[in-house]
Amino acid sequence: MPADHPPYVIDQMISAKSIAARIESLAREIGTEFAGTDKLVVVGLLRGSFVFIADLVRELDLPVEVDFLEASSYGDGMDSSREVRILKDLRGQIEGRDVLVVEDIVDTGHTLAHVTKFLVSRNPARLRTIALLDKPARREVDFKADWIGFEIPDEFVVGYGIDYGQRNRNLPYIGKVRFTQ
């Protein structure tokens, strides 16, 4: 546990099995939406989405190209700064291409709204968004991803790529952080 964070435990909220089943279902829906595409550019928002994107692209029955963008509004803390910064841009071009933006969690909505606007300015043919988790109770901007894996209550969560102070990303499930002090 990080020395600068209070002691905590993690209570499982969403099992690895439930996540896998939901990703299979989402992949079928995405396959229908993008049927006939010559190549779908799947853009993962680093770092929290890396596990989700890996599992999702393996379930897609489409030709895919994977690229990454890093945007941040959190740093190492638990609360959004609401100031979204692009830390790493895409390597490839998306103009005229079909694009799926993959996010780990939509909280306030600032990051995904900002990234979507940023990418739309590059004139993709189609741009859709997917988030593994959605916390509508925390929404501050009018933004909803096209696909949502799970809607969750306003809890601080980790696992399946999502971290707290750069820890717990490797958990195979989504867990709620519960502070013990």
N, C-alpha and C. Protein backbone atom coordinates (compact mmCIF):
# COMPACT_ATOMS: atom_id res chain seq x y z
N MET A 1 0.85 -1.17 0.00
CA MET A 1 0.00 0.00 0.00
C MET A 1 0.89 1.24 0.00
N PRO A 2 0.56 2.27 -0.81
CA PRO A 2 1.39 3.46 -0.86
C PRO A 2 1.49 4.11 0.52
N ALA A 3 2.69 4.57 0.86
CA ALA A 3 2.93 5.16 2.17
C ALA A 3 2.14 6.44 2.39
N ASP A 4 1.84 7.16 1.30
CA ASP A 4 1.13 8.43 1.44
C ASP A 4 -0.39 8.29 1.37
N HIS A 5 -0.90 7.05 1.34
CA HIS A 5 -2.34 6.82 1.32
C HIS A 5 -2.75 6.12 2.61
N PRO A 6 -3.94 6.41 3.10
CA PRO A 6 -4.41 5.73 4.31
C PRO A 6 -4.64 4.24 4.03
N PRO A 7 -4.60 3.42 5.07
CA PRO A 7 -4.83 1.98 4.89
C PRO A 7 -6.24 1.72 4.32
N TYR A 8 -6.31 0.71 3.45
CA TYR A 8 -7.59 0.37 2.84
C TYR A 8 -7.65 -1.11 2.52
N VAL A 9 -8.87 -1.57 2.30
CA VAL A 9 -9.12 -2.92 1.79
C VAL A 9 -9.96 -2.78 0.53
N ILE A 10 -10.03 -3.84 -0.23
CA ILE A 10 -10.78 -3.81 -1.49
C ILE A 10 -11.87 -4.87 -1.42
N ASP A 11 -13.11 -4.43 -1.58
CA ASP A 11 -14.25 -5.34 -1.62
C ASP A 11 -14.66 -5.55 -3.07
N GLN A 12 -14.74 -6.80 -3.51
CA GLN A 12 -15.11 -7.09 -4.89
C GLN A 12 -16.52 -6.58 -5.20
N MET A 13 -16.65 -5.88 -6.31
CA MET A 13 -17.95 -5.39 -6.79
C MET A 13 -18.42 -6.15 -8.03
N ILE A 14 -17.49 -6.33 -8.99
CA ILE A 14 -17.83 -6.98 -10.26
C ILE A 14 -16.77 -8.05 -10.52
N SER A 15 -17.21 -9.28 -10.64
CA SER A 15 -16.28 -10.41 -10.80
C SER A 15 -15.64 -10.43 -12.18
N ALA A 16 -14.53 -11.11 -12.28
CA ALA A 16 -13.84 -11.29 -13.56
C ALA A 16 -14.75 -12.01 -14.55
N LYS A 17 -15.52 -12.96 -14.07
CA LYS A 17 -16.44 -13.72 -14.93
C LYS A 17 -17.54 -12.81 -15.50
N SER A 18 -18.07 -11.93 -14.67
CA SER A 18 -19.10 -10.97 -15.12
C SER A 18 -18.53 -10.00 -16.15
N ILE A 19 -17.31 -9.56 -15.92
CA ILE A 19 -16.66 -8.64 -16.86
C ILE A 19 -16.48 -9.33 -18.21
N ALA A 20 -15.97 -10.56 -18.20
CA ALA A 20 -15.76 -11.29 -19.45
C ALA A 20 -17.05 -11.48 -20.23
N ALA A 21 -18.12 -11.84 -19.54
CA ALA A 21 -19.41 -12.04 -20.20
C ALA A 21 -19.92 -10.74 -20.80
N ARG A 22 -19.77 -9.65 -20.08
CA ARG A 22 -20.25 -8.35 -20.59
C ARG A 22 -19.44 -7.91 -21.81
N ILE A 23 -18.14 -8.16 -21.79
CA ILE A 23 -17.30 -7.78 -22.93
C ILE A 23 -17.70 -8.56 -24.17
N GLU A 24 -18.02 -9.84 -24.03
CA GLU A 24 -18.50 -10.62 -25.18
C GLU A 24 -19.75 -10.00 -25.78
N SER A 25 -20.68 -9.60 -24.92
CA SER A 25 -21.92 -8.98 -25.37
C SER A 25 -21.66 -7.63 -26.06
N LEU A 26 -20.81 -6.82 -25.45
CA LEU A 26 -20.47 -5.52 -26.04
C LEU A 26 -19.80 -5.69 -27.39
N ALA A 27 -18.92 -6.66 -27.51
CA ALA A 27 -18.21 -6.90 -28.78
C ALA A 27 -19.19 -7.25 -29.89
N ARG A 28 -20.22 -8.02 -29.57
CA ARG A 28 -21.24 -8.34 -30.59
C ARG A 28 -21.96 -7.07 -31.05
N GLU A 29 -22.32 -6.19 -30.10
CA GLU A 29 -23.00 -4.94 -30.45
C GLU A 29 -22.09 -4.04 -31.30
N ILE A 30 -20.84 -3.94 -30.91
CA ILE A 30 -19.89 -3.12 -31.66
C ILE A 30 -19.68 -3.71 -33.05
N GLY A 31 -19.61 -5.03 -33.15
CA GLY A 31 -19.47 -5.69 -34.45
C GLY A 31 -20.62 -5.36 -35.37
N THR A 32 -21.83 -5.30 -34.83
CA THR A 32 -23.00 -4.94 -35.63
C THR A 32 -22.90 -3.49 -36.08
N GLU A 33 -22.54 -2.59 -35.17
CA GLU A 33 -22.41 -1.16 -35.50
C GLU A 33 -21.38 -0.91 -36.59
N PHE A 34 -20.27 -1.61 -36.53
CA PHE A 34 -19.17 -1.35 -37.46
C PHE A 34 -19.04 -2.43 -38.54
N ALA A 35 -20.09 -3.22 -38.75
CA ALA A 35 -20.06 -4.24 -39.80
C ALA A 35 -19.70 -3.59 -41.13
N GLY A 36 -18.82 -4.22 -41.86
CA GLY A 36 -18.43 -3.69 -43.17
C GLY A 36 -17.28 -2.70 -43.14
N THR A 37 -16.81 -2.33 -41.96
CA THR A 37 -15.68 -1.41 -41.91
C THR A 37 -14.43 -2.11 -42.46
N ASP A 38 -13.58 -1.34 -43.14
CA ASP A 38 -12.35 -1.95 -43.64
C ASP A 38 -11.32 -2.09 -42.51
N LYS A 39 -11.40 -1.21 -41.50
CA LYS A 39 -10.56 -1.34 -40.32
C LYS A 39 -11.07 -0.38 -39.26
N LEU A 40 -11.27 -0.90 -38.08
CA LEU A 40 -11.72 -0.10 -36.96
C LEU A 40 -10.49 0.32 -36.15
N VAL A 41 -10.34 1.63 -35.96
CA VAL A 41 -9.25 2.13 -35.14
C VAL A 41 -9.77 2.18 -33.70
N VAL A 42 -9.23 1.33 -32.86
CA VAL A 42 -9.63 1.26 -31.47
C VAL A 42 -8.62 2.09 -30.68
N VAL A 43 -9.11 3.17 -30.08
CA VAL A 43 -8.25 4.10 -29.35
C VAL A 43 -8.45 3.90 -27.86
N GLY A 44 -7.43 3.40 -27.20
CA GLY A 44 -7.50 3.20 -25.76
C GLY A 44 -6.99 4.43 -25.03
N LEU A 45 -7.73 4.83 -24.00
CA LEU A 45 -7.28 5.94 -23.17
C LEU A 45 -6.44 5.36 -22.04
N LEU A 46 -5.18 5.71 -22.07
CA LEU A 46 -4.24 5.21 -21.06
C LEU A 46 -4.39 5.97 -19.77
N ARG A 47 -4.10 5.36 -18.65
CA ARG A 47 -3.61 4.02 -18.56
C ARG A 47 -4.70 3.05 -18.16
N GLY A 48 -5.76 3.53 -17.62
CA GLY A 48 -6.77 2.67 -17.02
C GLY A 48 -7.46 1.70 -17.95
N SER A 49 -7.50 1.98 -19.26
CA SER A 49 -8.26 1.13 -20.17
C SER A 49 -7.46 -0.02 -20.76
N PHE A 50 -6.18 -0.15 -20.45
CA PHE A 50 -5.35 -1.11 -21.18
C PHE A 50 -5.82 -2.56 -21.03
N VAL A 51 -6.30 -2.97 -19.88
CA VAL A 51 -6.78 -4.34 -19.71
C VAL A 51 -8.10 -4.52 -20.48
N PHE A 52 -8.99 -3.56 -20.34
CA PHE A 52 -10.28 -3.60 -21.04
C PHE A 52 -10.08 -3.65 -22.55
N ILE A 53 -9.22 -2.79 -23.07
CA ILE A 53 -9.03 -2.75 -24.53
C ILE A 53 -8.44 -4.08 -25.03
N ALA A 54 -7.52 -4.66 -24.28
CA ALA A 54 -6.92 -5.93 -24.70
C ALA A 54 -8.00 -7.02 -24.79
N ASP A 55 -8.84 -7.11 -23.79
CA ASP A 55 -9.89 -8.13 -23.80
C ASP A 55 -10.94 -7.82 -24.87
N LEU A 56 -11.28 -6.55 -25.03
CA LEU A 56 -12.30 -6.17 -26.01
C LEU A 56 -11.86 -6.47 -27.43
N VAL A 57 -10.65 -6.08 -27.82
CA VAL A 57 -10.23 -6.29 -29.22
C VAL A 57 -10.11 -7.77 -29.55
N ARG A 58 -9.80 -8.60 -28.55
CA ARG A 58 -9.74 -10.04 -28.81
C ARG A 58 -11.13 -10.63 -29.08
N GLU A 59 -12.17 -9.96 -28.61
CA GLU A 59 -13.54 -10.42 -28.84
C GLU A 59 -14.16 -9.84 -30.11
N LEU A 60 -13.55 -8.81 -30.68
CA LEU A 60 -14.12 -8.18 -31.88
C LEU A 60 -13.82 -9.02 -33.11
N ASP A 61 -14.85 -9.30 -33.88
CA ASP A 61 -14.69 -10.04 -35.13
C ASP A 61 -14.65 -9.03 -36.28
N LEU A 62 -13.70 -8.11 -36.19
CA LEU A 62 -13.52 -7.05 -37.18
C LEU A 62 -12.02 -6.84 -37.38
N PRO A 63 -11.63 -6.29 -38.52
CA PRO A 63 -10.22 -5.89 -38.64
C PRO A 63 -10.01 -4.66 -37.76
N VAL A 64 -9.01 -4.72 -36.88
CA VAL A 64 -8.78 -3.61 -35.96
C VAL A 64 -7.34 -3.13 -36.01
N GLU A 65 -7.19 -1.87 -35.72
CA GLU A 65 -5.90 -1.24 -35.48
C GLU A 65 -6.02 -0.64 -34.09
N VAL A 66 -4.99 -0.76 -33.29
CA VAL A 66 -5.04 -0.24 -31.93
C VAL A 66 -4.06 0.92 -31.80
N ASP A 67 -4.54 1.99 -31.20
CA ASP A 67 -3.70 3.15 -30.92
C ASP A 67 -4.05 3.61 -29.51
N PHE A 68 -3.22 4.47 -28.96
CA PHE A 68 -3.44 4.93 -27.59
C PHE A 68 -3.30 6.43 -27.49
N LEU A 69 -4.07 6.98 -26.60
CA LEU A 69 -4.03 8.40 -26.27
C LEU A 69 -4.00 8.44 -24.75
N GLU A 70 -3.20 9.33 -24.20
CA GLU A 70 -3.19 9.46 -22.74
C GLU A 70 -3.70 10.84 -22.38
N ALA A 71 -4.75 10.84 -21.60
CA ALA A 71 -5.35 12.07 -21.10
C ALA A 71 -5.45 11.94 -19.59
N SER A 72 -5.30 13.04 -18.90
CA SER A 72 -5.36 12.96 -17.44
C SER A 72 -6.14 14.11 -16.85
N SER A 73 -6.93 13.77 -15.86
CA SER A 73 -7.59 14.80 -15.03
C SER A 73 -7.52 14.39 -13.56
N TYR A 74 -6.75 13.33 -13.27
CA TYR A 74 -6.69 12.79 -11.90
C TYR A 74 -5.32 12.83 -11.26
N GLY A 75 -4.25 12.54 -11.99
CA GLY A 75 -2.95 12.35 -11.35
C GLY A 75 -3.02 11.10 -10.49
N ASP A 76 -2.47 11.16 -9.28
CA ASP A 76 -2.48 10.00 -8.39
C ASP A 76 -3.59 10.06 -7.35
N GLY A 77 -4.45 11.08 -7.41
CA GLY A 77 -5.47 11.27 -6.39
C GLY A 77 -6.75 10.55 -6.68
N MET A 78 -7.75 10.85 -5.85
CA MET A 78 -9.06 10.22 -5.98
C MET A 78 -10.08 11.13 -6.64
N ASP A 79 -9.78 12.40 -6.77
CA ASP A 79 -10.75 13.36 -7.30
C ASP A 79 -10.24 14.00 -8.58
N SER A 80 -11.15 14.20 -9.52
CA SER A 80 -10.82 14.83 -10.78
C SER A 80 -10.48 16.30 -10.58
N SER A 81 -9.47 16.76 -11.32
CA SER A 81 -9.11 18.18 -11.28
C SER A 81 -10.00 18.96 -12.23
N ARG A 82 -10.72 18.26 -13.12
CA ARG A 82 -11.59 18.82 -14.14
C ARG A 82 -10.81 19.51 -15.26
N GLU A 83 -9.50 19.56 -15.14
CA GLU A 83 -8.65 20.10 -16.20
C GLU A 83 -8.05 18.91 -16.94
N VAL A 84 -8.50 18.70 -18.17
CA VAL A 84 -8.06 17.55 -18.94
C VAL A 84 -6.84 17.94 -19.77
N ARG A 85 -5.80 17.15 -19.61
CA ARG A 85 -4.57 17.37 -20.37
C ARG A 85 -4.30 16.15 -21.25
N ILE A 86 -3.90 16.39 -22.50
CA ILE A 86 -3.48 15.31 -23.39
C ILE A 86 -1.99 15.11 -23.15
N LEU A 87 -1.62 13.95 -22.63
CA LEU A 87 -0.23 13.66 -22.31
C LEU A 87 0.47 12.88 -23.41
N LYS A 88 -0.29 12.12 -24.19
CA LYS A 88 0.25 11.35 -25.30
C LYS A 88 -0.79 11.32 -26.40
N ASP A 89 -0.39 11.75 -27.59
CA ASP A 89 -1.29 11.78 -28.73
C ASP A 89 -1.23 10.47 -29.51
N LEU A 90 -2.16 10.30 -30.42
CA LEU A 90 -2.18 9.13 -31.29
C LEU A 90 -0.95 9.12 -32.19
N ARG A 91 -0.53 7.92 -32.57
CA ARG A 91 0.56 7.80 -33.54
C ARG A 91 0.01 7.86 -34.96
N GLY A 92 -1.17 7.28 -35.16
CA GLY A 92 -1.74 7.18 -36.50
C GLY A 92 -2.76 8.27 -36.78
N GLN A 93 -3.20 8.28 -38.03
CA GLN A 93 -4.22 9.23 -38.48
C GLN A 93 -5.60 8.58 -38.39
N ILE A 94 -6.61 9.39 -38.08
CA ILE A 94 -7.97 8.85 -38.01
C ILE A 94 -8.92 9.52 -38.99
N GLU A 95 -8.45 10.47 -39.77
CA GLU A 95 -9.32 11.15 -40.73
C GLU A 95 -9.93 10.13 -41.69
N GLY A 96 -11.28 10.17 -41.81
CA GLY A 96 -12.00 9.28 -42.70
C GLY A 96 -12.08 7.84 -42.22
N ARG A 97 -11.65 7.57 -41.02
CA ARG A 97 -11.63 6.20 -40.49
C ARG A 97 -12.71 6.01 -39.43
N ASP A 98 -13.08 4.76 -39.21
CA ASP A 98 -14.01 4.42 -38.13
C ASP A 98 -13.21 4.29 -36.84
N VAL A 99 -13.68 4.95 -35.77
CA VAL A 99 -12.93 5.02 -34.52
C VAL A 99 -13.82 4.63 -33.34
N LEU A 100 -13.26 3.82 -32.46
CA LEU A 100 -13.91 3.47 -31.20
C LEU A 100 -12.97 3.89 -30.08
N VAL A 101 -13.43 4.82 -29.24
CA VAL A 101 -12.64 5.28 -28.11
C VAL A 101 -13.02 4.44 -26.90
N VAL A 102 -12.00 3.86 -26.24
CA VAL A 102 -12.22 2.95 -25.12
C VAL A 102 -11.72 3.61 -23.84
N GLU A 103 -12.63 3.77 -22.89
CA GLU A 103 -12.32 4.39 -21.60
C GLU A 103 -12.60 3.40 -20.48
N ASP A 104 -11.87 3.52 -19.38
CA ASP A 104 -12.12 2.62 -18.26
C ASP A 104 -13.37 3.02 -17.48
N ILE A 105 -13.49 4.31 -17.16
CA ILE A 105 -14.60 4.75 -16.32
C ILE A 105 -15.00 6.18 -16.67
N VAL A 106 -16.29 6.41 -16.78
CA VAL A 106 -16.81 7.77 -16.96
C VAL A 106 -17.32 8.21 -15.60
N ASP A 107 -16.69 9.25 -15.09
CA ASP A 107 -17.00 9.78 -13.76
C ASP A 107 -17.67 11.14 -13.97
N THR A 108 -16.92 12.21 -13.89
CA THR A 108 -17.49 13.54 -14.13
C THR A 108 -17.87 13.73 -15.59
N GLY A 109 -17.21 12.98 -16.48
CA GLY A 109 -17.47 13.09 -17.91
C GLY A 109 -16.53 14.04 -18.62
N HIS A 110 -15.75 14.80 -17.87
CA HIS A 110 -14.86 15.79 -18.48
C HIS A 110 -13.85 15.16 -19.43
N THR A 111 -13.20 14.08 -19.02
CA THR A 111 -12.15 13.49 -19.85
C THR A 111 -12.70 12.98 -21.17
N LEU A 112 -13.72 12.14 -21.13
CA LEU A 112 -14.24 11.56 -22.36
C LEU A 112 -14.87 12.62 -23.26
N ALA A 113 -15.53 13.61 -22.69
CA ALA A 113 -16.08 14.71 -23.50
C ALA A 113 -14.96 15.48 -24.19
N HIS A 114 -13.90 15.77 -23.46
CA HIS A 114 -12.76 16.51 -24.03
C HIS A 114 -12.08 15.70 -25.13
N VAL A 115 -11.80 14.44 -24.85
CA VAL A 115 -11.12 13.59 -25.82
C VAL A 115 -11.97 13.41 -27.08
N THR A 116 -13.27 13.22 -26.91
CA THR A 116 -14.15 13.06 -28.06
C THR A 116 -14.12 14.30 -28.95
N LYS A 117 -14.22 15.46 -28.34
CA LYS A 117 -14.16 16.72 -29.10
C LYS A 117 -12.81 16.84 -29.81
N PHE A 118 -11.74 16.51 -29.11
CA PHE A 118 -10.39 16.56 -29.66
C PHE A 118 -10.28 15.64 -30.89
N LEU A 119 -10.81 14.43 -30.80
CA LEU A 119 -10.71 13.48 -31.91
C LEU A 119 -11.68 13.79 -33.04
N VAL A 120 -12.87 14.29 -32.74
CA VAL A 120 -13.82 14.66 -33.78
C VAL A 120 -13.24 15.74 -34.68
N SER A 121 -12.41 16.61 -34.12
CA SER A 121 -11.78 17.67 -34.92
C SER A 121 -10.84 17.11 -35.99
N ARG A 122 -10.52 15.83 -35.90
CA ARG A 122 -9.65 15.19 -36.89
C ARG A 122 -10.45 14.47 -37.98
N ASN A 123 -11.75 14.67 -37.98
CA ASN A 123 -12.66 14.20 -39.04
C ASN A 123 -12.68 12.69 -39.29
N PRO A 124 -12.94 11.91 -38.24
CA PRO A 124 -13.12 10.48 -38.48
C PRO A 124 -14.44 10.25 -39.23
N ALA A 125 -14.56 9.12 -39.92
CA ALA A 125 -15.82 8.78 -40.60
C ALA A 125 -16.92 8.60 -39.56
N ARG A 126 -16.63 7.80 -38.55
CA ARG A 126 -17.54 7.58 -37.42
C ARG A 126 -16.69 7.52 -36.17
N LEU A 127 -17.21 8.05 -35.09
CA LEU A 127 -16.52 7.96 -33.80
C LEU A 127 -17.55 7.56 -32.76
N ARG A 128 -17.29 6.46 -32.09
CA ARG A 128 -18.14 5.98 -31.01
C ARG A 128 -17.29 5.80 -29.77
N THR A 129 -17.95 5.73 -28.63
CA THR A 129 -17.25 5.60 -27.36
C THR A 129 -17.80 4.43 -26.56
N ILE A 130 -16.90 3.83 -25.78
CA ILE A 130 -17.30 2.76 -24.88
C ILE A 130 -16.53 2.94 -23.57
N ALA A 131 -17.22 2.70 -22.47
CA ALA A 131 -16.58 2.74 -21.15
C ALA A 131 -16.97 1.47 -20.41
N LEU A 132 -16.00 0.91 -19.73
CA LEU A 132 -16.29 -0.27 -18.93
C LEU A 132 -17.24 0.07 -17.80
N LEU A 133 -16.98 1.20 -17.12
CA LEU A 133 -17.79 1.61 -15.98
C LEU A 133 -18.35 3.01 -16.18
N ASP A 134 -19.53 3.24 -15.63
CA ASP A 134 -20.17 4.56 -15.68
C ASP A 134 -20.70 4.89 -14.29
N LYS A 135 -20.35 6.10 -13.83
CA LYS A 135 -20.85 6.61 -12.54
C LYS A 135 -21.71 7.84 -12.81
N PRO A 136 -22.95 7.65 -13.21
CA PRO A 136 -23.79 8.80 -13.56
C PRO A 136 -24.03 9.78 -12.41
N ALA A 137 -23.94 9.32 -11.18
CA ALA A 137 -24.17 10.21 -10.03
C ALA A 137 -23.11 11.30 -9.95
N ARG A 138 -21.96 11.11 -10.58
CA ARG A 138 -20.86 12.08 -10.52
C ARG A 138 -20.79 12.97 -11.75
N ARG A 139 -21.66 12.76 -12.71
CA ARG A 139 -21.57 13.48 -13.99
C ARG A 139 -21.71 14.98 -13.80
N GLU A 140 -20.78 15.72 -14.41
CA GLU A 140 -20.79 17.19 -14.38
C GLU A 140 -20.99 17.78 -15.77
N VAL A 141 -20.77 16.98 -16.80
CA VAL A 141 -20.99 17.43 -18.17
C VAL A 141 -21.98 16.48 -18.83
N ASP A 142 -22.69 16.98 -19.81
CA ASP A 142 -23.69 16.18 -20.50
C ASP A 142 -23.00 15.29 -21.52
N PHE A 143 -22.56 14.12 -21.05
CA PHE A 143 -21.89 13.18 -21.93
C PHE A 143 -22.24 11.77 -21.49
N LYS A 144 -22.57 10.94 -22.47
CA LYS A 144 -22.84 9.53 -22.20
C LYS A 144 -22.15 8.72 -23.29
N ALA A 145 -21.38 7.73 -22.88
CA ALA A 145 -20.72 6.85 -23.84
C ALA A 145 -21.76 6.06 -24.63
N ASP A 146 -21.41 5.69 -25.84
CA ASP A 146 -22.32 4.91 -26.68
C ASP A 146 -22.59 3.53 -26.11
N TRP A 147 -21.57 2.94 -25.48
CA TRP A 147 -21.74 1.65 -24.81
C TRP A 147 -21.14 1.74 -23.42
N ILE A 148 -21.82 1.11 -22.49
CA ILE A 148 -21.37 1.06 -21.09
C ILE A 148 -21.35 -0.40 -20.66
N GLY A 149 -20.26 -0.78 -20.02
CA GLY A 149 -20.20 -2.14 -19.50
C GLY A 149 -21.08 -2.30 -18.27
N PHE A 150 -20.83 -1.46 -17.27
CA PHE A 150 -21.56 -1.54 -16.01
C PHE A 150 -21.78 -0.14 -15.46
N GLU A 151 -22.98 0.11 -14.97
CA GLU A 151 -23.24 1.35 -14.23
C GLU A 151 -22.98 1.03 -12.76
N ILE A 152 -22.21 1.91 -12.11
CA ILE A 152 -21.87 1.67 -10.70
C ILE A 152 -22.24 2.89 -9.86
N PRO A 153 -22.40 2.68 -8.56
CA PRO A 153 -22.67 3.81 -7.67
C PRO A 153 -21.40 4.65 -7.48
N ASP A 154 -21.55 5.74 -6.80
CA ASP A 154 -20.44 6.66 -6.55
C ASP A 154 -19.50 6.08 -5.50
N GLU A 155 -18.66 5.16 -5.95
CA GLU A 155 -17.66 4.50 -5.11
C GLU A 155 -16.31 4.64 -5.79
N PHE A 156 -15.26 4.68 -5.00
CA PHE A 156 -13.91 4.70 -5.57
C PHE A 156 -13.52 3.26 -5.84
N VAL A 157 -13.21 2.94 -7.11
CA VAL A 157 -12.96 1.55 -7.51
C VAL A 157 -11.56 1.37 -8.08
N VAL A 158 -11.11 0.13 -8.01
CA VAL A 158 -9.81 -0.26 -8.56
C VAL A 158 -9.95 -1.63 -9.22
N GLY A 159 -8.90 -2.02 -9.90
CA GLY A 159 -8.85 -3.34 -10.52
C GLY A 159 -9.14 -3.30 -11.99
N TYR A 160 -8.79 -4.37 -12.67
CA TYR A 160 -9.02 -4.51 -14.10
C TYR A 160 -8.46 -3.29 -14.87
N GLY A 161 -7.29 -2.85 -14.46
CA GLY A 161 -6.61 -1.73 -15.11
C GLY A 161 -6.73 -0.41 -14.38
N ILE A 162 -7.69 -0.30 -13.49
CA ILE A 162 -7.94 0.96 -12.76
C ILE A 162 -7.12 0.94 -11.48
N ASP A 163 -6.48 2.08 -11.18
CA ASP A 163 -5.55 2.11 -10.06
C ASP A 163 -5.94 3.07 -8.96
N TYR A 164 -5.24 2.94 -7.87
CA TYR A 164 -5.23 3.92 -6.78
C TYR A 164 -3.76 4.11 -6.45
N GLY A 165 -3.22 5.28 -6.76
CA GLY A 165 -1.80 5.54 -6.52
C GLY A 165 -0.90 4.58 -7.27
N GLN A 166 -1.30 4.23 -8.50
CA GLN A 166 -0.56 3.31 -9.37
C GLN A 166 -0.51 1.88 -8.84
N ARG A 167 -1.45 1.51 -7.99
CA ARG A 167 -1.54 0.13 -7.50
C ARG A 167 -2.91 -0.45 -7.81
N ASN A 168 -2.99 -1.76 -7.75
CA ASN A 168 -4.24 -2.52 -7.89
C ASN A 168 -4.72 -2.67 -9.33
N ARG A 169 -3.98 -2.19 -10.32
CA ARG A 169 -4.38 -2.36 -11.72
C ARG A 169 -4.48 -3.84 -12.11
N ASN A 170 -3.69 -4.69 -11.46
CA ASN A 170 -3.59 -6.09 -11.85
C ASN A 170 -4.69 -6.98 -11.28
N LEU A 171 -5.59 -6.43 -10.49
CA LEU A 171 -6.70 -7.25 -9.99
C LEU A 171 -7.58 -7.68 -11.16
N PRO A 172 -8.04 -8.94 -11.20
CA PRO A 172 -8.85 -9.40 -12.33
C PRO A 172 -10.33 -9.00 -12.23
N TYR A 173 -10.69 -8.30 -11.19
CA TYR A 173 -12.07 -7.88 -10.95
C TYR A 173 -12.09 -6.39 -10.63
N ILE A 174 -13.30 -5.82 -10.53
CA ILE A 174 -13.48 -4.43 -10.09
C ILE A 174 -13.83 -4.49 -8.61
N GLY A 175 -13.07 -3.72 -7.83
CA GLY A 175 -13.31 -3.70 -6.39
C GLY A 175 -13.49 -2.29 -5.86
N LYS A 176 -14.26 -2.18 -4.82
CA LYS A 176 -14.50 -0.92 -4.13
C LYS A 176 -13.41 -0.73 -3.07
N VAL A 177 -12.83 0.46 -3.05
CA VAL A 177 -11.83 0.78 -2.03
C VAL A 177 -12.57 1.21 -0.75
N ARG A 178 -12.22 0.53 0.33
CA ARG A 178 -12.81 0.86 1.63
C ARG A 178 -11.67 1.18 2.59
N PHE A 179 -11.65 2.41 3.07
CA PHE A 179 -10.58 2.84 3.97
C PHE A 179 -10.82 2.28 5.35
N THR A 180 -9.75 1.84 6.01
CA THR A 180 -9.87 1.19 7.31
C THR A 180 -9.57 2.13 8.47
N GLN A 181 -9.26 3.37 8.18
CA GLN A 181 -9.05 4.36 9.23
C GLN A 181 -9.98 5.53 9.04
